N, C-alpha and C. Protein backbone atom coordinates (compact mmCIF):
# COMPACT_ATOMS: atom_id res chain seq x y z
N MET A 1 88.51 36.73 7.83
CA MET A 1 88.79 35.37 7.38
C MET A 1 87.60 34.78 6.64
N LEU A 2 86.37 35.14 7.01
CA LEU A 2 85.20 34.59 6.33
C LEU A 2 85.18 34.99 4.85
N ALA A 3 85.63 36.20 4.54
CA ALA A 3 85.72 36.61 3.14
C ALA A 3 86.76 35.76 2.41
N ASP A 4 87.83 35.42 3.12
CA ASP A 4 88.85 34.54 2.54
C ASP A 4 88.27 33.16 2.23
N LEU A 5 87.35 32.70 3.07
CA LEU A 5 86.71 31.41 2.83
C LEU A 5 85.88 31.44 1.55
N GLU A 6 85.23 32.57 1.29
CA GLU A 6 84.46 32.70 0.05
C GLU A 6 85.38 32.57 -1.17
N VAL A 7 86.51 33.23 -1.12
CA VAL A 7 87.48 33.15 -2.21
C VAL A 7 87.99 31.72 -2.34
N LEU A 8 88.31 31.10 -1.22
CA LEU A 8 88.79 29.72 -1.22
C LEU A 8 87.73 28.78 -1.80
N TYR A 9 86.48 29.00 -1.44
CA TYR A 9 85.40 28.17 -1.98
C TYR A 9 85.29 28.35 -3.49
N ASP A 10 85.36 29.59 -3.95
CA ASP A 10 85.29 29.85 -5.40
C ASP A 10 86.43 29.17 -6.14
N GLU A 11 87.61 29.18 -5.54
CA GLU A 11 88.79 28.60 -6.19
C GLU A 11 88.85 27.07 -6.09
N GLN A 12 88.45 26.51 -4.97
CA GLN A 12 88.68 25.10 -4.70
C GLN A 12 87.42 24.26 -4.48
N GLY A 13 86.28 24.89 -4.26
CA GLY A 13 85.07 24.16 -3.88
C GLY A 13 84.67 23.06 -4.85
N GLU A 14 84.65 23.36 -6.11
CA GLU A 14 84.24 22.37 -7.12
C GLU A 14 85.21 21.19 -7.19
N ALA A 15 86.50 21.48 -7.15
CA ALA A 15 87.51 20.41 -7.21
C ALA A 15 87.46 19.52 -5.97
N VAL A 16 87.25 20.13 -4.81
CA VAL A 16 87.14 19.35 -3.57
C VAL A 16 85.90 18.46 -3.64
N TYR A 17 84.79 19.01 -4.14
CA TYR A 17 83.58 18.20 -4.27
C TYR A 17 83.80 17.02 -5.21
N ARG A 18 84.43 17.25 -6.35
CA ARG A 18 84.68 16.14 -7.28
C ARG A 18 85.59 15.08 -6.66
N TYR A 19 86.59 15.53 -5.91
CA TYR A 19 87.46 14.59 -5.20
C TYR A 19 86.63 13.75 -4.22
N LEU A 20 85.79 14.41 -3.43
CA LEU A 20 84.98 13.69 -2.45
C LEU A 20 84.01 12.75 -3.14
N LEU A 21 83.42 13.18 -4.24
CA LEU A 21 82.50 12.32 -4.98
C LEU A 21 83.25 11.11 -5.53
N GLY A 22 84.42 11.33 -6.07
CA GLY A 22 85.19 10.23 -6.62
C GLY A 22 85.66 9.24 -5.57
N THR A 23 86.08 9.74 -4.42
CA THR A 23 86.58 8.83 -3.39
C THR A 23 85.45 8.19 -2.60
N LEU A 24 84.37 8.92 -2.39
CA LEU A 24 83.26 8.36 -1.61
C LEU A 24 82.21 7.68 -2.48
N GLY A 25 82.08 8.13 -3.72
CA GLY A 25 81.23 7.44 -4.67
C GLY A 25 79.77 7.84 -4.68
N ARG A 26 79.28 8.39 -3.61
CA ARG A 26 77.85 8.75 -3.56
C ARG A 26 77.72 10.26 -3.39
N ARG A 27 76.83 10.83 -4.18
CA ARG A 27 76.62 12.28 -4.15
C ARG A 27 76.28 12.77 -2.75
N GLU A 28 75.39 12.06 -2.06
CA GLU A 28 74.97 12.49 -0.72
C GLU A 28 76.14 12.51 0.25
N ASP A 29 76.98 11.48 0.18
CA ASP A 29 78.15 11.43 1.07
C ASP A 29 79.13 12.54 0.76
N ALA A 30 79.34 12.80 -0.53
CA ALA A 30 80.26 13.87 -0.93
C ALA A 30 79.73 15.23 -0.46
N GLU A 31 78.44 15.46 -0.63
CA GLU A 31 77.85 16.73 -0.19
C GLU A 31 77.94 16.88 1.32
N ASP A 32 77.65 15.81 2.06
CA ASP A 32 77.74 15.86 3.52
C ASP A 32 79.17 16.14 3.97
N ALA A 33 80.11 15.46 3.36
CA ALA A 33 81.52 15.65 3.72
C ALA A 33 81.97 17.07 3.40
N LEU A 34 81.59 17.57 2.24
CA LEU A 34 81.96 18.92 1.85
C LEU A 34 81.39 19.94 2.83
N GLN A 35 80.13 19.76 3.19
CA GLN A 35 79.50 20.67 4.14
C GLN A 35 80.20 20.62 5.49
N ALA A 36 80.54 19.44 5.95
CA ALA A 36 81.22 19.30 7.24
C ALA A 36 82.58 20.00 7.22
N VAL A 37 83.30 19.86 6.13
CA VAL A 37 84.60 20.50 6.01
C VAL A 37 84.45 22.02 6.04
N TRP A 38 83.52 22.56 5.27
CA TRP A 38 83.34 24.01 5.23
C TRP A 38 82.83 24.55 6.55
N LEU A 39 81.96 23.81 7.22
CA LEU A 39 81.48 24.26 8.54
C LEU A 39 82.63 24.32 9.54
N GLU A 40 83.50 23.33 9.50
CA GLU A 40 84.65 23.33 10.40
C GLU A 40 85.58 24.51 10.09
N LEU A 41 85.81 24.77 8.81
CA LEU A 41 86.64 25.91 8.44
C LEU A 41 86.00 27.23 8.90
N ALA A 42 84.69 27.35 8.72
CA ALA A 42 84.00 28.57 9.15
C ALA A 42 84.04 28.73 10.66
N ARG A 43 83.88 27.62 11.39
CA ARG A 43 83.95 27.66 12.85
C ARG A 43 85.33 28.14 13.29
N ARG A 44 86.35 27.60 12.67
CA ARG A 44 87.72 28.00 13.02
C ARG A 44 87.98 29.45 12.63
N ALA A 45 87.47 29.86 11.48
CA ALA A 45 87.68 31.24 11.02
C ALA A 45 87.03 32.24 11.97
N ALA A 46 85.88 31.87 12.52
CA ALA A 46 85.19 32.76 13.45
C ALA A 46 85.98 32.97 14.73
N SER A 47 86.87 32.05 15.04
CA SER A 47 87.68 32.18 16.26
C SER A 47 89.05 32.79 15.94
N SER A 48 89.15 33.48 14.85
CA SER A 48 90.35 34.18 14.38
C SER A 48 91.53 33.26 14.08
N TRP A 49 91.24 32.04 13.74
CA TRP A 49 92.26 31.07 13.34
C TRP A 49 92.72 31.38 11.93
N ARG A 50 94.01 31.32 11.68
CA ARG A 50 94.57 31.62 10.36
C ARG A 50 95.57 30.53 9.97
N PRO A 51 95.19 29.64 9.05
CA PRO A 51 96.16 28.63 8.60
C PRO A 51 97.23 29.28 7.72
N ARG A 52 98.40 28.70 7.72
CA ARG A 52 99.48 29.22 6.88
C ARG A 52 99.13 29.11 5.40
N ASP A 53 98.53 27.98 5.01
CA ASP A 53 98.13 27.73 3.63
C ASP A 53 96.69 27.22 3.64
N PRO A 54 95.70 28.11 3.49
CA PRO A 54 94.30 27.70 3.59
C PRO A 54 93.91 26.60 2.60
N ALA A 55 94.42 26.64 1.37
CA ALA A 55 94.07 25.61 0.39
C ALA A 55 94.61 24.25 0.82
N ALA A 56 95.83 24.22 1.32
CA ALA A 56 96.41 22.95 1.79
C ALA A 56 95.62 22.42 2.98
N TYR A 57 95.21 23.31 3.88
CA TYR A 57 94.41 22.89 5.03
C TYR A 57 93.06 22.33 4.57
N LEU A 58 92.44 23.00 3.60
CA LEU A 58 91.17 22.54 3.06
C LEU A 58 91.29 21.13 2.50
N TRP A 59 92.31 20.91 1.68
CA TRP A 59 92.49 19.59 1.08
C TRP A 59 92.81 18.53 2.12
N SER A 60 93.57 18.89 3.12
CA SER A 60 93.87 17.94 4.19
C SER A 60 92.60 17.59 4.97
N ALA A 61 91.79 18.59 5.26
CA ALA A 61 90.53 18.35 5.97
C ALA A 61 89.58 17.49 5.13
N ALA A 62 89.51 17.77 3.84
CA ALA A 62 88.64 16.98 2.95
C ALA A 62 89.13 15.54 2.87
N ARG A 63 90.42 15.37 2.77
CA ARG A 63 90.98 14.02 2.69
C ARG A 63 90.70 13.24 3.98
N ASN A 64 90.91 13.89 5.12
CA ASN A 64 90.65 13.23 6.40
C ASN A 64 89.18 12.86 6.55
N ARG A 65 88.31 13.76 6.13
CA ARG A 65 86.87 13.48 6.20
C ARG A 65 86.51 12.32 5.29
N ALA A 66 87.05 12.31 4.07
CA ALA A 66 86.76 11.23 3.12
C ALA A 66 87.27 9.90 3.66
N ARG A 67 88.46 9.91 4.22
CA ARG A 67 89.03 8.67 4.78
C ARG A 67 88.16 8.14 5.91
N SER A 68 87.70 9.02 6.79
CA SER A 68 86.84 8.60 7.91
C SER A 68 85.54 8.01 7.39
N GLU A 69 84.93 8.67 6.43
CA GLU A 69 83.67 8.17 5.85
C GLU A 69 83.90 6.86 5.11
N PHE A 70 84.98 6.76 4.39
CA PHE A 70 85.32 5.55 3.64
C PHE A 70 85.44 4.36 4.59
N ARG A 71 86.13 4.56 5.70
CA ARG A 71 86.29 3.49 6.68
C ARG A 71 84.96 3.13 7.34
N ALA A 72 84.19 4.13 7.69
CA ALA A 72 82.88 3.86 8.32
C ALA A 72 81.98 3.10 7.35
N ARG A 73 82.01 3.50 6.09
CA ARG A 73 81.19 2.82 5.09
C ARG A 73 81.65 1.37 4.89
N ALA A 74 82.94 1.15 4.90
CA ALA A 74 83.47 -0.21 4.75
C ALA A 74 82.98 -1.10 5.89
N ARG A 75 82.94 -0.54 7.10
CA ARG A 75 82.42 -1.32 8.23
C ARG A 75 80.93 -1.61 8.04
N ARG A 76 80.17 -0.61 7.62
CA ARG A 76 78.73 -0.83 7.39
C ARG A 76 78.50 -1.81 6.25
N ARG A 77 79.29 -1.69 5.18
CA ARG A 77 79.14 -2.56 4.02
C ARG A 77 79.43 -4.01 4.38
N SER A 78 80.46 -4.22 5.20
CA SER A 78 80.79 -5.60 5.56
C SER A 78 79.67 -6.21 6.39
N ARG A 79 79.00 -5.41 7.19
CA ARG A 79 77.86 -5.92 7.97
C ARG A 79 76.65 -6.15 7.08
N ALA A 80 76.51 -5.34 6.02
CA ALA A 80 75.33 -5.44 5.16
C ALA A 80 75.52 -6.37 3.97
N GLY A 81 76.72 -6.87 3.77
CA GLY A 81 76.94 -7.81 2.67
C GLY A 81 77.37 -7.16 1.37
N GLY A 82 77.79 -5.91 1.37
CA GLY A 82 78.33 -5.27 0.17
C GLY A 82 77.30 -4.53 -0.65
N VAL A 83 77.53 -3.25 -0.87
CA VAL A 83 76.64 -2.41 -1.66
C VAL A 83 77.49 -1.59 -2.61
N GLN A 84 77.12 -1.53 -3.89
CA GLN A 84 77.89 -0.74 -4.85
C GLN A 84 77.53 0.74 -4.73
N ASP A 85 78.48 1.60 -5.03
CA ASP A 85 78.28 3.04 -4.97
C ASP A 85 77.69 3.53 -6.29
N PRO A 86 76.38 3.85 -6.33
CA PRO A 86 75.72 4.17 -7.58
C PRO A 86 76.15 5.49 -8.23
N ASP A 87 76.62 6.45 -7.46
CA ASP A 87 76.98 7.75 -8.03
C ASP A 87 78.43 7.82 -8.50
N LEU A 88 79.19 6.78 -8.24
CA LEU A 88 80.57 6.76 -8.67
C LEU A 88 80.62 6.69 -10.19
N LEU A 89 81.36 7.58 -10.81
CA LEU A 89 81.42 7.68 -12.27
C LEU A 89 80.02 7.80 -12.87
N PRO A 90 79.33 8.91 -12.65
CA PRO A 90 77.97 9.05 -13.17
C PRO A 90 77.92 8.93 -14.69
N ALA A 91 76.88 8.30 -15.19
CA ALA A 91 76.74 8.07 -16.63
C ALA A 91 76.72 9.38 -17.42
N ALA A 92 76.10 10.42 -16.86
CA ALA A 92 76.02 11.70 -17.57
C ALA A 92 77.39 12.30 -17.82
N ALA A 93 78.35 12.03 -16.93
CA ALA A 93 79.69 12.57 -17.09
C ALA A 93 80.56 11.70 -17.98
N ASN A 94 80.05 10.54 -18.37
CA ASN A 94 80.81 9.58 -19.18
C ASN A 94 79.96 9.10 -20.35
N PRO A 95 79.51 10.01 -21.23
CA PRO A 95 78.56 9.64 -22.27
C PRO A 95 79.09 8.63 -23.29
N GLY A 96 80.40 8.54 -23.46
CA GLY A 96 80.95 7.63 -24.47
C GLY A 96 81.19 6.22 -23.96
N VAL A 97 80.89 5.97 -22.70
CA VAL A 97 81.16 4.67 -22.10
C VAL A 97 79.87 3.86 -22.04
N ALA A 98 79.93 2.64 -22.54
CA ALA A 98 78.76 1.75 -22.50
C ALA A 98 78.34 1.51 -21.05
N PRO A 99 77.02 1.43 -20.79
CA PRO A 99 76.55 1.26 -19.41
C PRO A 99 77.13 0.05 -18.70
N ASP A 100 77.29 -1.08 -19.39
CA ASP A 100 77.85 -2.26 -18.72
C ASP A 100 79.32 -2.03 -18.36
N LYS A 101 80.06 -1.35 -19.23
CA LYS A 101 81.47 -1.04 -18.94
C LYS A 101 81.58 -0.05 -17.77
N LEU A 102 80.63 0.91 -17.74
CA LEU A 102 80.62 1.89 -16.67
C LEU A 102 80.38 1.21 -15.33
N ASN A 103 79.48 0.24 -15.30
CA ASN A 103 79.23 -0.50 -14.06
C ASN A 103 80.46 -1.29 -13.64
N ASP A 104 81.16 -1.88 -14.62
CA ASP A 104 82.40 -2.60 -14.31
C ASP A 104 83.46 -1.66 -13.75
N LEU A 105 83.57 -0.47 -14.36
CA LEU A 105 84.54 0.52 -13.86
C LEU A 105 84.18 0.97 -12.46
N ARG A 106 82.90 1.21 -12.21
CA ARG A 106 82.44 1.60 -10.87
C ARG A 106 82.84 0.54 -9.84
N ALA A 107 82.56 -0.71 -10.17
CA ALA A 107 82.87 -1.80 -9.25
C ALA A 107 84.37 -1.90 -9.00
N ALA A 108 85.16 -1.76 -10.06
CA ALA A 108 86.62 -1.85 -9.91
C ALA A 108 87.14 -0.71 -9.05
N LEU A 109 86.67 0.50 -9.30
CA LEU A 109 87.12 1.65 -8.52
C LEU A 109 86.66 1.53 -7.08
N ALA A 110 85.43 1.08 -6.88
CA ALA A 110 84.90 0.91 -5.52
C ALA A 110 85.65 -0.17 -4.76
N GLY A 111 86.27 -1.10 -5.47
CA GLY A 111 86.99 -2.19 -4.83
C GLY A 111 88.40 -1.85 -4.39
N LEU A 112 88.85 -0.65 -4.69
CA LEU A 112 90.21 -0.24 -4.32
C LEU A 112 90.26 0.24 -2.87
N PRO A 113 91.39 0.01 -2.20
CA PRO A 113 91.58 0.63 -0.89
C PRO A 113 91.61 2.15 -1.04
N PHE A 114 91.32 2.85 0.05
CA PHE A 114 91.18 4.31 0.00
C PHE A 114 92.38 5.00 -0.64
N ARG A 115 93.59 4.70 -0.21
CA ARG A 115 94.77 5.42 -0.70
C ARG A 115 94.98 5.23 -2.20
N GLN A 116 94.66 4.06 -2.71
CA GLN A 116 94.77 3.83 -4.14
C GLN A 116 93.60 4.47 -4.88
N ARG A 117 92.44 4.41 -4.28
CA ARG A 117 91.25 4.98 -4.91
C ARG A 117 91.38 6.48 -5.08
N GLU A 118 91.91 7.17 -4.06
CA GLU A 118 92.02 8.62 -4.19
C GLU A 118 93.01 9.00 -5.28
N LEU A 119 94.07 8.22 -5.49
CA LEU A 119 95.00 8.49 -6.60
C LEU A 119 94.33 8.20 -7.93
N ALA A 120 93.56 7.12 -8.00
CA ALA A 120 92.85 6.80 -9.25
C ALA A 120 91.87 7.92 -9.60
N VAL A 121 91.23 8.50 -8.61
CA VAL A 121 90.30 9.61 -8.84
C VAL A 121 91.04 10.85 -9.30
N LEU A 122 92.08 11.23 -8.55
CA LEU A 122 92.77 12.48 -8.87
C LEU A 122 93.51 12.42 -10.21
N VAL A 123 94.16 11.30 -10.50
CA VAL A 123 94.94 11.20 -11.74
C VAL A 123 94.07 10.70 -12.89
N GLY A 124 93.31 9.64 -12.66
CA GLY A 124 92.54 9.02 -13.73
C GLY A 124 91.27 9.75 -14.11
N ILE A 125 90.62 10.38 -13.14
CA ILE A 125 89.34 11.05 -13.42
C ILE A 125 89.51 12.56 -13.48
N GLU A 126 90.20 13.13 -12.47
CA GLU A 126 90.39 14.58 -12.43
C GLU A 126 91.51 15.06 -13.34
N ALA A 127 92.29 14.13 -13.88
CA ALA A 127 93.37 14.41 -14.83
C ALA A 127 94.48 15.29 -14.25
N LEU A 128 94.75 15.14 -12.95
CA LEU A 128 95.91 15.81 -12.38
C LEU A 128 97.15 15.00 -12.75
N THR A 129 98.28 15.65 -12.79
CA THR A 129 99.53 14.92 -12.98
C THR A 129 99.86 14.23 -11.66
N LEU A 130 100.77 13.26 -11.71
CA LEU A 130 101.18 12.61 -10.46
C LEU A 130 101.80 13.61 -9.50
N ARG A 131 102.55 14.55 -10.02
CA ARG A 131 103.14 15.58 -9.17
C ARG A 131 102.05 16.42 -8.49
N GLU A 132 101.05 16.85 -9.25
CA GLU A 132 99.95 17.64 -8.68
C GLU A 132 99.17 16.85 -7.64
N ALA A 133 98.89 15.59 -7.94
CA ALA A 133 98.16 14.74 -6.99
C ALA A 133 98.97 14.54 -5.72
N ALA A 134 100.27 14.31 -5.87
CA ALA A 134 101.13 14.12 -4.70
C ALA A 134 101.15 15.38 -3.84
N GLU A 135 101.25 16.53 -4.46
CA GLU A 135 101.24 17.79 -3.71
C GLU A 135 99.92 17.97 -2.99
N ARG A 136 98.83 17.68 -3.67
CA ARG A 136 97.50 17.84 -3.07
C ARG A 136 97.32 16.91 -1.86
N LEU A 137 97.90 15.71 -1.94
CA LEU A 137 97.75 14.74 -0.86
C LEU A 137 98.86 14.84 0.18
N GLY A 138 99.88 15.63 -0.11
CA GLY A 138 100.98 15.79 0.84
C GLY A 138 101.85 14.55 0.97
N ILE A 139 102.04 13.85 -0.16
CA ILE A 139 102.87 12.65 -0.17
C ILE A 139 103.95 12.81 -1.23
N PRO A 140 105.04 12.03 -1.13
CA PRO A 140 106.07 12.12 -2.18
C PRO A 140 105.53 11.66 -3.53
N ARG A 141 106.10 12.21 -4.61
CA ARG A 141 105.66 11.86 -5.96
C ARG A 141 105.83 10.37 -6.23
N GLY A 142 106.91 9.79 -5.76
CA GLY A 142 107.15 8.36 -5.96
C GLY A 142 106.09 7.50 -5.29
N THR A 143 105.65 7.91 -4.11
CA THR A 143 104.58 7.19 -3.42
C THR A 143 103.28 7.29 -4.21
N ALA A 144 102.99 8.48 -4.73
CA ALA A 144 101.78 8.66 -5.54
C ALA A 144 101.85 7.77 -6.79
N ALA A 145 103.02 7.75 -7.43
CA ALA A 145 103.17 6.94 -8.64
C ALA A 145 102.98 5.46 -8.34
N SER A 146 103.56 5.02 -7.24
CA SER A 146 103.44 3.61 -6.86
C SER A 146 101.99 3.24 -6.56
N ARG A 147 101.30 4.07 -5.80
CA ARG A 147 99.90 3.80 -5.47
C ARG A 147 99.03 3.81 -6.72
N TYR A 148 99.31 4.74 -7.63
CA TYR A 148 98.52 4.83 -8.85
C TYR A 148 98.74 3.60 -9.73
N ARG A 149 100.01 3.19 -9.88
CA ARG A 149 100.29 1.97 -10.67
C ARG A 149 99.62 0.75 -10.06
N THR A 150 99.67 0.65 -8.75
CA THR A 150 99.03 -0.47 -8.07
C THR A 150 97.51 -0.43 -8.28
N ALA A 151 96.93 0.75 -8.19
CA ALA A 151 95.49 0.90 -8.41
C ALA A 151 95.12 0.46 -9.82
N LEU A 152 95.90 0.90 -10.81
CA LEU A 152 95.61 0.52 -12.19
C LEU A 152 95.73 -0.99 -12.38
N ALA A 153 96.76 -1.58 -11.80
CA ALA A 153 96.94 -3.03 -11.92
C ALA A 153 95.78 -3.78 -11.29
N LYS A 154 95.33 -3.33 -10.13
CA LYS A 154 94.20 -3.98 -9.47
C LYS A 154 92.92 -3.83 -10.29
N MET A 155 92.71 -2.62 -10.83
CA MET A 155 91.50 -2.40 -11.63
C MET A 155 91.54 -3.25 -12.90
N ARG A 156 92.70 -3.33 -13.54
CA ARG A 156 92.81 -4.18 -14.74
C ARG A 156 92.52 -5.64 -14.40
N ALA A 157 93.03 -6.10 -13.27
CA ALA A 157 92.78 -7.48 -12.85
C ALA A 157 91.30 -7.69 -12.60
N MET A 158 90.64 -6.73 -11.94
CA MET A 158 89.20 -6.85 -11.67
C MET A 158 88.40 -6.84 -12.97
N LEU A 159 88.89 -6.10 -13.96
CA LEU A 159 88.18 -5.99 -15.23
C LEU A 159 88.59 -7.08 -16.22
N GLY A 160 89.56 -7.90 -15.82
CA GLY A 160 90.00 -8.98 -16.68
C GLY A 160 90.82 -8.53 -17.87
N GLU A 161 91.51 -7.39 -17.71
CA GLU A 161 92.33 -6.87 -18.80
C GLU A 161 93.78 -7.26 -18.59
N GLU A 162 94.51 -7.30 -19.69
CA GLU A 162 95.95 -7.61 -19.64
C GLU A 162 96.73 -6.40 -19.20
N GLU A 163 97.83 -6.63 -18.50
CA GLU A 163 98.74 -5.55 -18.11
C GLU A 163 99.41 -4.97 -19.35
N ARG A 164 99.54 -3.66 -19.43
CA ARG A 164 100.18 -3.03 -20.59
C ARG A 164 101.63 -2.82 -20.36
């Protein structure tokens, strides 16, 4: 099973990291979450555990870890008075976007609830289709579409843009 984990990491590791970075916003948090997920998978693999669909299990574990961290951070942020996520939408990955617009986008994305934020990341940043994002998250396509539309509407409102 450990060899299978290497193959799974080669196939999915980068995409899972980008998902975690997009939903958590900070490189350190994404790296910590990714490491925790892989350590748990390795621990389970060592005990001869075999999931039916390892990629689906990986994504479910990553999503659960991101959700837990997102909630913990929200509790810490409310006690600390609010802190923006500096690694969300890194400038190097968005060279055509003006720095002030990038900061506005970061703030708008960071202001979304977790379920809407993860759809905004998967569809808006990772360029998955709604069907692909829904499959990855294990939710119906209609639910994914609704959450994504709501996320876009909230971001437009935060950015002061008109609805299209």
